[in-house]
């Protein structure tokens, strides 16, 4: 017969195996760390808002016209253009 602690450990490991088999990111206890995954590149995030911001790098609207580096926000693109290329962007 398993002890209560041993049973809890078995439940955590079983949950971890199930989550890992479907591609969820988990820690060694089996708890989800980053349940929001990008369907394009597979990057995982803890919050849906972070995933939403990340997905913008896959579009051309936030790419540098000079060096083609991609950014997650227009503000980061503005800073890049100003400091790296010395341009004053009108975005």
PDB file of N, CA and C in Angstrom:
ATOM      1  N   UNK A   1       0.837  -1.188   0.000  1.00  0.00           N
ATOM      2  CA  UNK A   1       0.000   0.000   0.000  1.00  0.00           C
ATOM      3  C   UNK A   1       0.881   1.251   0.000  1.00  0.00           C
ATOM      4  N   UNK A   2       0.530   2.217  -0.858  1.00  0.00           N
ATOM      5  CA  UNK A   2       1.321   3.443  -0.946  1.00  0.00           C
ATOM      6  C   UNK A   2       0.943   4.401   0.175  1.00  0.00           C
ATOM      7  N   UNK A   3       1.930   5.163   0.590  1.00  0.00           N
ATOM      8  CA  UNK A   3       1.647   6.208   1.569  1.00  0.00           C
ATOM      9  C   UNK A   3       0.963   7.366   0.859  1.00  0.00           C
ATOM     10  N   UNK A   4       0.381   8.259   1.620  1.00  0.00           N
ATOM     11  CA  UNK A   4      -0.292   9.410   1.027  1.00  0.00           C
ATOM     12  C   UNK A   4       0.694  10.241   0.211  1.00  0.00           C
ATOM     13  N   UNK A   5       1.902  10.426   0.721  1.00  0.00           N
ATOM     14  CA  UNK A   5       2.926  11.179  -0.002  1.00  0.00           C
ATOM     15  C   UNK A   5       3.317  10.451  -1.285  1.00  0.00           C
ATOM     16  N   UNK A   6       3.478   9.126  -1.203  1.00  0.00           N
ATOM     17  CA  UNK A   6       3.825   8.358  -2.384  1.00  0.00           C
ATOM     18  C   UNK A   6       2.738   8.400  -3.439  1.00  0.00           C
ATOM     19  N   UNK A   7       1.485   8.394  -3.026  1.00  0.00           N
ATOM     20  CA  UNK A   7       0.367   8.459  -3.965  1.00  0.00           C
ATOM     21  C   UNK A   7       0.326   9.814  -4.664  1.00  0.00           C
ATOM     22  N   UNK A   8       0.571  10.893  -3.913  1.00  0.00           N
ATOM     23  CA  UNK A   8       0.597  12.232  -4.505  1.00  0.00           C
ATOM     24  C   UNK A   8       1.721  12.335  -5.524  1.00  0.00           C
ATOM     25  N   UNK A   9       2.871  11.750  -5.231  1.00  0.00           N
ATOM     26  CA  UNK A   9       4.000  11.768  -6.166  1.00  0.00           C
ATOM     27  C   UNK A   9       3.645  11.017  -7.439  1.00  0.00           C
ATOM     28  N   UNK A  10       2.965   9.869  -7.302  1.00  0.00           N
ATOM     29  CA  UNK A  10       2.562   9.084  -8.470  1.00  0.00           C
ATOM     30  C   UNK A  10       1.586   9.868  -9.336  1.00  0.00           C
ATOM     31  N   UNK A  11       0.646  10.601  -8.714  1.00  0.00           N
ATOM     32  CA  UNK A  11      -0.326  11.405  -9.455  1.00  0.00           C
ATOM     33  C   UNK A  11       0.386  12.511 -10.223  1.00  0.00           C
ATOM     34  N   UNK A  12       1.342  13.175  -9.584  1.00  0.00           N
ATOM     35  CA  UNK A  12       2.088  14.244 -10.262  1.00  0.00           C
ATOM     36  C   UNK A  12       2.859  13.696 -11.449  1.00  0.00           C
ATOM     37  N   UNK A  13       3.525  12.570 -11.284  1.00  0.00           N
ATOM     38  CA  UNK A  13       4.306  11.985 -12.374  1.00  0.00           C
ATOM     39  C   UNK A  13       3.399  11.545 -13.517  1.00  0.00           C
ATOM     40  N   UNK A  14       2.245  10.970 -13.205  1.00  0.00           N
ATOM     41  CA  UNK A  14       1.298  10.549 -14.237  1.00  0.00           C
ATOM     42  C   UNK A  14       0.792  11.762 -15.005  1.00  0.00           C
ATOM     43  N   UNK A  15       0.461  12.830 -14.290  1.00  0.00           N
ATOM     44  CA  UNK A  15      -0.002  14.049 -14.947  1.00  0.00           C
ATOM     45  C   UNK A  15       1.092  14.625 -15.826  1.00  0.00           C
ATOM     46  N   UNK A  16       2.324  14.569 -15.349  1.00  0.00           N
ATOM     47  CA  UNK A  16       3.447  15.078 -16.128  1.00  0.00           C
ATOM     48  C   UNK A  16       3.625  14.286 -17.413  1.00  0.00           C
ATOM     49  N   UNK A  17       3.508  12.977 -17.328  1.00  0.00           N
ATOM     50  CA  UNK A  17       3.657  12.153 -18.521  1.00  0.00           C
ATOM     51  C   UNK A  17       2.568  12.453 -19.532  1.00  0.00           C
ATOM     52  N   UNK A  18       1.336  12.629 -19.091  1.00  0.00           N
ATOM     53  CA  UNK A  18       0.243  12.941 -20.004  1.00  0.00           C
ATOM     54  C   UNK A  18       0.468  14.287 -20.684  1.00  0.00           C
ATOM     55  N   UNK A  19       0.872  15.284 -19.914  1.00  0.00           N
ATOM     56  CA  UNK A  19       1.090  16.603 -20.488  1.00  0.00           C
ATOM     57  C   UNK A  19       2.272  16.595 -21.445  1.00  0.00           C
ATOM     58  N   UNK A  20       3.328  15.885 -21.078  1.00  0.00           N
ATOM     59  CA  UNK A  20       4.481  15.828 -21.961  1.00  0.00           C
ATOM     60  C   UNK A  20       4.161  15.110 -23.261  1.00  0.00           C
ATOM     61  N   UNK A  21       3.287  14.103 -23.221  1.00  0.00           N
ATOM     62  CA  UNK A  21       2.980  13.345 -24.425  1.00  0.00           C
ATOM     63  C   UNK A  21       2.186  14.168 -25.434  1.00  0.00           C
ATOM     64  N   UNK A  22       1.524  15.255 -24.990  1.00  0.00           N
ATOM     65  CA  UNK A  22       0.816  16.113 -25.940  1.00  0.00           C
ATOM     66  C   UNK A  22       1.558  17.423 -26.184  1.00  0.00           C
ATOM     67  N   UNK A  23       2.787  17.520 -25.692  1.00  0.00           N
ATOM     68  CA  UNK A  23       3.631  18.661 -26.007  1.00  0.00           C
ATOM     69  C   UNK A  23       3.547  19.841 -25.066  1.00  0.00           C
ATOM     70  N   UNK A  24       2.904  19.712 -23.911  1.00  0.00           N
ATOM     71  CA  UNK A  24       2.839  20.813 -22.967  1.00  0.00           C
ATOM     72  C   UNK A  24       4.155  20.945 -22.221  1.00  0.00           C
ATOM     73  N   UNK A  25       4.551  22.166 -21.942  1.00  0.00           N
ATOM     74  CA  UNK A  25       5.756  22.391 -21.150  1.00  0.00           C
ATOM     75  C   UNK A  25       5.406  22.209 -19.676  1.00  0.00           C
ATOM     76  N   UNK A  26       6.141  21.358 -18.983  1.00  0.00           N
ATOM     77  CA  UNK A  26       5.884  21.112 -17.567  1.00  0.00           C
ATOM     78  C   UNK A  26       7.190  21.166 -16.798  1.00  0.00           C
ATOM     79  N   UNK A  27       7.075  21.411 -15.493  1.00  0.00           N
ATOM     80  CA  UNK A  27       8.262  21.314 -14.654  1.00  0.00           C
ATOM     81  C   UNK A  27       8.376  19.874 -14.163  1.00  0.00           C
ATOM     82  N   UNK A  28       9.361  19.590 -13.324  1.00  0.00           N
ATOM     83  CA  UNK A  28       9.590  18.202 -12.935  1.00  0.00           C
ATOM     84  C   UNK A  28       8.501  17.667 -12.002  1.00  0.00           C
ATOM     85  N   UNK A  29       7.639  18.529 -11.492  1.00  0.00           N
ATOM     86  CA  UNK A  29       6.522  18.064 -10.668  1.00  0.00           C
ATOM     87  C   UNK A  29       5.287  17.767 -11.508  1.00  0.00           C
ATOM     88  N   UNK A  30       5.331  18.113 -12.778  1.00  0.00           N
ATOM     89  CA  UNK A  30       4.188  17.862 -13.637  1.00  0.00           C
ATOM     90  C   UNK A  30       3.230  19.029 -13.764  1.00  0.00           C
ATOM     91  N   UNK A  31       3.612  20.180 -13.235  1.00  0.00           N
ATOM     92  CA  UNK A  31       2.747  21.341 -13.332  1.00  0.00           C
ATOM     93  C   UNK A  31       3.053  22.104 -14.611  1.00  0.00           C
ATOM     94  N   UNK A  32       2.020  22.645 -15.240  1.00  0.00           N
ATOM     95  CA  UNK A  32       2.213  23.389 -16.477  1.00  0.00           C
ATOM     96  C   UNK A  32       2.977  24.679 -16.207  1.00  0.00           C
ATOM     97  N   UNK A  33       3.961  24.944 -17.021  1.00  0.00           N
ATOM     98  CA  UNK A  33       4.711  26.185 -16.904  1.00  0.00           C
ATOM     99  C   UNK A  33       4.288  27.185 -17.973  1.00  0.00           C
ATOM    100  N   UNK A  34       4.180  26.725 -19.200  1.00  0.00           N
ATOM    101  CA  UNK A  34       3.895  27.607 -20.322  1.00  0.00           C
ATOM    102  C   UNK A  34       2.865  26.953 -21.243  1.00  0.00           C
ATOM    103  N   UNK A  35       1.592  27.122 -20.932  1.00  0.00           N
ATOM    104  CA  UNK A  35       0.560  26.419 -21.687  1.00  0.00           C
ATOM    105  C   UNK A  35       0.196  27.046 -23.031  1.00  0.00           C
ATOM    106  N   UNK A  36       0.665  28.260 -23.322  1.00  0.00           N
ATOM    107  CA  UNK A  36       0.299  28.936 -24.566  1.00  0.00           C
ATOM    108  C   UNK A  36       1.434  28.793 -25.573  1.00  0.00           C
ATOM    109  N   UNK A  37       1.185  28.027 -26.638  1.00  0.00           N
ATOM    110  CA  UNK A  37       2.219  27.739 -27.632  1.00  0.00           C
ATOM    111  C   UNK A  37       1.895  28.410 -28.958  1.00  0.00           C
ATOM    112  N   UNK A  38       2.918  28.931 -29.607  1.00  0.00           N
ATOM    113  CA  UNK A  38       2.783  29.530 -30.933  1.00  0.00           C
ATOM    114  C   UNK A  38       2.598  28.410 -31.955  1.00  0.00           C
ATOM    115  N   UNK A  39       1.557  28.510 -32.768  1.00  0.00           N
ATOM    116  CA  UNK A  39       1.303  27.474 -33.761  1.00  0.00           C
ATOM    117  C   UNK A  39       2.237  27.570 -34.966  1.00  0.00           C
ATOM    118  N   UNK A  40       3.028  28.632 -35.049  1.00  0.00           N
ATOM    119  CA  UNK A  40       3.950  28.807 -36.173  1.00  0.00           C
ATOM    120  C   UNK A  40       5.337  28.267 -35.843  1.00  0.00           C
ATOM    121  N   UNK A  41       5.890  28.677 -34.689  1.00  0.00           N
ATOM    122  CA  UNK A  41       7.270  28.272 -34.367  1.00  0.00           C
ATOM    123  C   UNK A  41       7.372  27.371 -33.140  1.00  0.00           C
ATOM    124  N   UNK A  42       6.289  27.224 -32.363  1.00  0.00           N
ATOM    125  CA  UNK A  42       6.314  26.350 -31.203  1.00  0.00           C
ATOM    126  C   UNK A  42       6.788  26.993 -29.913  1.00  0.00           C
ATOM    127  N   UNK A  43       7.100  28.273 -29.918  1.00  0.00           N
ATOM    128  CA  UNK A  43       7.523  28.957 -28.690  1.00  0.00           C
ATOM    129  C   UNK A  43       6.378  28.929 -27.686  1.00  0.00           C
ATOM    130  N   UNK A  44       6.687  28.690 -26.404  1.00  0.00           N
ATOM    131  CA  UNK A  44       5.660  28.566 -25.367  1.00  0.00           C
ATOM    132  C   UNK A  44       5.737  29.733 -24.390  1.00  0.00           C
ATOM    133  N   UNK A  45       4.568  30.178 -23.935  1.00  0.00           N
ATOM    134  CA  UNK A  45       4.487  31.310 -23.020  1.00  0.00           C
ATOM    135  C   UNK A  45       3.527  31.019 -21.884  1.00  0.00           C
ATOM    136  N   UNK A  46       3.742  31.674 -20.763  1.00  0.00           N
ATOM    137  CA  UNK A  46       2.913  31.492 -19.575  1.00  0.00           C
ATOM    138  C   UNK A  46       1.584  32.235 -19.699  1.00  0.00           C
ATOM    139  N   UNK A  47       1.583  33.369 -20.380  1.00  0.00           N
ATOM    140  CA  UNK A  47       0.385  34.200 -20.498  1.00  0.00           C
ATOM    141  C   UNK A  47      -0.033  34.338 -21.958  1.00  0.00           C
ATOM    142  N   UNK A  48      -1.329  34.357 -22.202  1.00  0.00           N
ATOM    143  CA  UNK A  48      -1.832  34.481 -23.569  1.00  0.00           C
ATOM    144  C   UNK A  48      -1.465  35.833 -24.184  1.00  0.00           C
ATOM    145  N   UNK A  49      -1.374  36.874 -23.358  1.00  0.00           N
ATOM    146  CA  UNK A  49      -1.012  38.196 -23.882  1.00  0.00           C
ATOM    147  C   UNK A  49       0.417  38.213 -24.421  1.00  0.00           C
ATOM    148  N   UNK A  50       1.302  37.462 -23.795  1.00  0.00           N
ATOM    149  CA  UNK A  50       2.683  37.380 -24.273  1.00  0.00           C
ATOM    150  C   UNK A  50       2.731  36.636 -25.602  1.00  0.00           C
ATOM    151  N   UNK A  51       1.934  35.585 -25.731  1.00  0.00           N
ATOM    152  CA  UNK A  51       1.858  34.861 -27.004  1.00  0.00           C
ATOM    153  C   UNK A  51       1.322  35.775 -28.096  1.00  0.00           C
ATOM    154  N   UNK A  52       0.306  36.567 -27.777  1.00  0.00           N
ATOM    155  CA  UNK A  52      -0.260  37.511 -28.742  1.00  0.00           C
ATOM    156  C   UNK A  52       0.809  38.490 -29.244  1.00  0.00           C
ATOM    157  N   UNK A  53       1.611  39.032 -28.325  1.00  0.00           N
ATOM    158  CA  UNK A  53       2.696  39.944 -28.709  1.00  0.00           C
ATOM    159  C   UNK A  53       3.742  39.224 -29.550  1.00  0.00           C
ATOM    160  N   UNK A  54       4.076  37.997 -29.159  1.00  0.00           N
ATOM    161  CA  UNK A  54       5.083  37.213 -29.884  1.00  0.00           C
ATOM    162  C   UNK A  54       4.668  36.962 -31.327  1.00  0.00           C
ATOM    163  N   UNK A  55       3.393  36.672 -31.557  1.00  0.00           N
ATOM    164  CA  UNK A  55       2.928  36.323 -32.904  1.00  0.00           C
ATOM    165  C   UNK A  55       3.145  37.458 -33.909  1.00  0.00           C
ATOM    166  N   UNK A  56       3.302  38.684 -33.414  1.00  0.00           N
ATOM    167  CA  UNK A  56       3.534  39.816 -34.306  1.00  0.00           C
ATOM    168  C   UNK A  56       4.883  39.722 -35.018  1.00  0.00           C
ATOM    169  N   UNK A  57       5.839  38.966 -34.463  1.00  0.00           N
ATOM    170  CA  UNK A  57       7.133  38.850 -35.143  1.00  0.00           C
ATOM    171  C   UNK A  57       7.028  38.011 -36.405  1.00  0.00           C
ATOM    172  N   UNK A  58       5.942  37.266 -36.545  1.00  0.00           N
ATOM    173  CA  UNK A  58       5.752  36.442 -37.731  1.00  0.00           C
ATOM    174  C   UNK A  58       5.088  37.214 -38.869  1.00  0.00           C
ATOM    175  N   UNK A  59       4.708  38.460 -38.623  1.00  0.00           N
ATOM    176  CA  UNK A  59       4.120  39.301 -39.667  1.00  0.00           C
ATOM    177  C   UNK A  59       5.166  40.317 -40.117  1.00  0.00           C
ATOM    178  N   UNK A  60       4.950  40.899 -41.249  1.00  0.00           N
ATOM    179  CA  UNK A  60       5.911  41.875 -41.783  1.00  0.00           C
ATOM    180  C   UNK A  60       5.678  43.286 -41.250  1.00  0.00           C
ATOM    181  N   UNK A  61       4.596  43.514 -40.498  1.00  0.00           N
ATOM    182  CA  UNK A  61       4.296  44.868 -40.042  1.00  0.00           C
ATOM    183  C   UNK A  61       5.295  45.404 -39.029  1.00  0.00           C
ATOM    184  N   UNK A  62       6.029  44.529 -38.353  1.00  0.00           N
ATOM    185  CA  UNK A  62       7.006  44.989 -37.369  1.00  0.00           C
ATOM    186  C   UNK A  62       8.424  44.549 -37.741  1.00  0.00           C
ATOM    187  N   UNK A  63       8.728  44.511 -39.015  1.00  0.00           N
ATOM    188  CA  UNK A  63      10.066  44.148 -39.482  1.00  0.00           C
ATOM    189  C   UNK A  63      10.812  45.415 -39.918  1.00  0.00           C
ATOM    190  N   UNK A  64      12.091  45.469 -39.630  1.00  0.00           N
ATOM    191  CA  UNK A  64      12.931  46.606 -40.014  1.00  0.00           C
ATOM    192  C   UNK A  64      13.102  46.612 -41.533  1.00  0.00           C
ATOM    193  N   UNK A  65      12.884  47.764 -42.157  1.00  0.00           N
ATOM    194  CA  UNK A  65      13.016  47.866 -43.609  1.00  0.00           C
ATOM    195  C   UNK A  65      14.480  47.888 -44.047  1.00  0.00           C
ATOM    196  N   UNK A  66      15.399  48.154 -43.115  1.00  0.00           N
ATOM    197  CA  UNK A  66      16.821  48.229 -43.437  1.00  0.00           C
ATOM    198  C   UNK A  66      17.490  46.856 -43.298  1.00  0.00           C
ATOM    199  N   UNK A  67      17.353  46.222 -42.135  1.00  0.00           N
ATOM    200  CA  UNK A  67      18.065  44.957 -41.886  1.00  0.00           C
ATOM    201  C   UNK A  67      17.138  43.740 -41.776  1.00  0.00           C
ATOM    202  N   UNK A  68      15.828  43.965 -41.850  1.00  0.00           N
ATOM    203  CA  UNK A  68      14.806  42.905 -41.835  1.00  0.00           C
ATOM    204  C   UNK A  68      14.690  42.161 -40.510  1.00  0.00           C
ATOM    205  N   UNK A  69      15.249  42.706 -39.434  1.00  0.00           N
ATOM    206  CA  UNK A  69      15.067  42.108 -38.113  1.00  0.00           C
ATOM    207  C   UNK A  69      13.609  42.309 -37.698  1.00  0.00           C
ATOM    208  N   UNK A  70      13.025  41.302 -37.033  1.00  0.00           N
ATOM    209  CA  UNK A  70      11.618  41.368 -36.663  1.00  0.00           C
ATOM    210  C   UNK A  70      11.457  41.689 -35.184  1.00  0.00           C
ATOM    211  N   UNK A  71      10.401  42.457 -34.874  1.00  0.00           N
ATOM    212  CA  UNK A  71      10.132  42.889 -33.508  1.00  0.00           C
ATOM    213  C   UNK A  71       8.703  42.569 -33.128  1.00  0.00           C
ATOM    214  N   UNK A  72       8.452  42.455 -31.815  1.00  0.00           N
ATOM    215  CA  UNK A  72       7.116  42.115 -31.341  1.00  0.00           C
ATOM    216  C   UNK A  72       6.213  43.336 -31.184  1.00  0.00           C
ATOM    217  N   UNK A  73       6.780  44.520 -31.280  1.00  0.00           N
ATOM    218  CA  UNK A  73       5.947  45.728 -31.182  1.00  0.00           C
ATOM    219  C   UNK A  73       6.524  46.834 -32.066  1.00  0.00           C
ATOM    220  N   UNK A  74       5.643  47.739 -32.466  1.00  0.00           N
ATOM    221  CA  UNK A  74       6.087  48.872 -33.280  1.00  0.00           C
ATOM    222  C   UNK A  74       6.999  49.795 -32.474  1.00  0.00           C
ATOM    223  N   UNK A  75       6.786  49.871 -31.174  1.00  0.00           N
ATOM    224  CA  UNK A  75       7.635  50.703 -30.331  1.00  0.00           C
ATOM    225  C   UNK A  75       9.077  50.187 -30.323  1.00  0.00           C
ATOM    226  N   UNK A  76       9.247  48.875 -30.230  1.00  0.00           N
ATOM    227  CA  UNK A  76      10.594  48.301 -30.279  1.00  0.00           C
ATOM    228  C   UNK A  76      11.234  48.525 -31.644  1.00  0.00           C
ATOM    229  N   UNK A  77      10.442  48.467 -32.703  1.00  0.00           N
ATOM    230  CA  UNK A  77      10.947  48.751 -34.045  1.00  0.00           C
ATOM    231  C   UNK A  77      11.399  50.201 -34.154  1.00  0.00           C
ATOM    232  N   UNK A  78      10.613  51.136 -33.598  1.00  0.00           N
ATOM    233  CA  UNK A  78      10.997  52.557 -33.605  1.00  0.00           C
ATOM    234  C   UNK A  78      12.340  52.773 -32.903  1.00  0.00           C
ATOM    235  N   UNK A  79      12.489  52.175 -31.714  1.00  0.00           N
ATOM    236  CA  UNK A  79      13.740  52.304 -30.965  1.00  0.00           C
ATOM    237  C   UNK A  79      14.909  51.741 -31.763  1.00  0.00           C
ATOM    238  N   UNK A  80      14.724  50.594 -32.385  1.00  0.00           N
ATOM    239  CA  UNK A  80      15.765  49.961 -33.195  1.00  0.00           C
ATOM    240  C   UNK A  80      16.184  50.880 -34.342  1.00  0.00           C
ATOM    241  N   UNK A  81      15.212  51.407 -35.072  1.00  0.00           N
ATOM    242  CA  UNK A  81      15.531  52.287 -36.201  1.00  0.00           C
ATOM    243  C   UNK A  81      16.299  53.527 -35.742  1.00  0.00           C
ATOM    244  N   UNK A  82      15.887  54.083 -34.618  1.00  0.00           N
ATOM    245  CA  UNK A  82      16.521  55.297 -34.116  1.00  0.00           C
ATOM    246  C   UNK A  82      17.951  55.046 -33.641  1.00  0.00           C
ATOM    247  N   UNK A  83      18.154  53.986 -32.865  1.00  0.00           N
ATOM    248  CA  UNK A  83      19.457  53.773 -32.246  1.00  0.00           C
ATOM    249  C   UNK A  83      20.432  52.974 -33.104  1.00  0.00           C
ATOM    250  N   UNK A  84      19.960  52.041 -33.894  1.00  0.00           N
ATOM    251  CA  UNK A  84      20.853  51.212 -34.690  1.00  0.00           C
ATOM    252  C   UNK A  84      21.144  51.837 -36.054  1.00  0.00           C
ATOM    253  N   UNK A  85      20.091  52.355 -36.698  1.00  0.00           N
ATOM    254  CA  UNK A  85      20.269  52.883 -38.041  1.00  0.00           C
ATOM    255  C   UNK A  85      20.278  54.399 -38.108  1.00  0.00           C
ATOM    256  N   UNK A  86      20.046  55.084 -36.988  1.00  0.00           N
ATOM    257  CA  UNK A  86      20.087  56.548 -36.956  1.00  0.00           C
ATOM    258  C   UNK A  86      18.956  57.198 -37.735  1.00  0.00           C
ATOM    259  N   UNK A  87      17.860  56.513 -37.903  1.00  0.00           N
ATOM    260  CA  UNK A  87      16.725  57.056 -38.652  1.00  0.00           C
ATOM    261  C   UNK A  87      15.619  57.477 -37.685  1.00  0.00           C
ATOM    262  N   UNK A  88      14.886  58.528 -38.050  1.00  0.00           N
ATOM    263  CA  UNK A  88      13.746  58.961 -37.254  1.00  0.00           C
ATOM    264  C   UNK A  88      12.497  58.389 -37.907  1.00  0.00           C
ATOM    265  N   UNK A  89      11.970  57.298 -37.363  1.00  0.00           N
ATOM    266  CA  UNK A  89      10.848  56.624 -38.015  1.00  0.00           C
ATOM    267  C   UNK A  89       9.543  57.398 -37.880  1.00  0.00           C
ATOM    268  N   UNK A  90       8.729  57.306 -38.886  1.00  0.00           N
ATOM    269  CA  UNK A  90       7.393  57.912 -38.888  1.00  0.00           C
ATOM    270  C   UNK A  90       6.369  56.790 -38.951  1.00  0.00           C
ATOM    271  N   UNK A  91       6.379  55.930 -37.934  1.00  0.00           N
ATOM    272  CA  UNK A  91       5.474  54.767 -37.907  1.00  0.00           C
ATOM    273  C   UNK A  91       4.263  55.103 -37.079  1.00  0.00           C
TER     274      UNK A  91
END
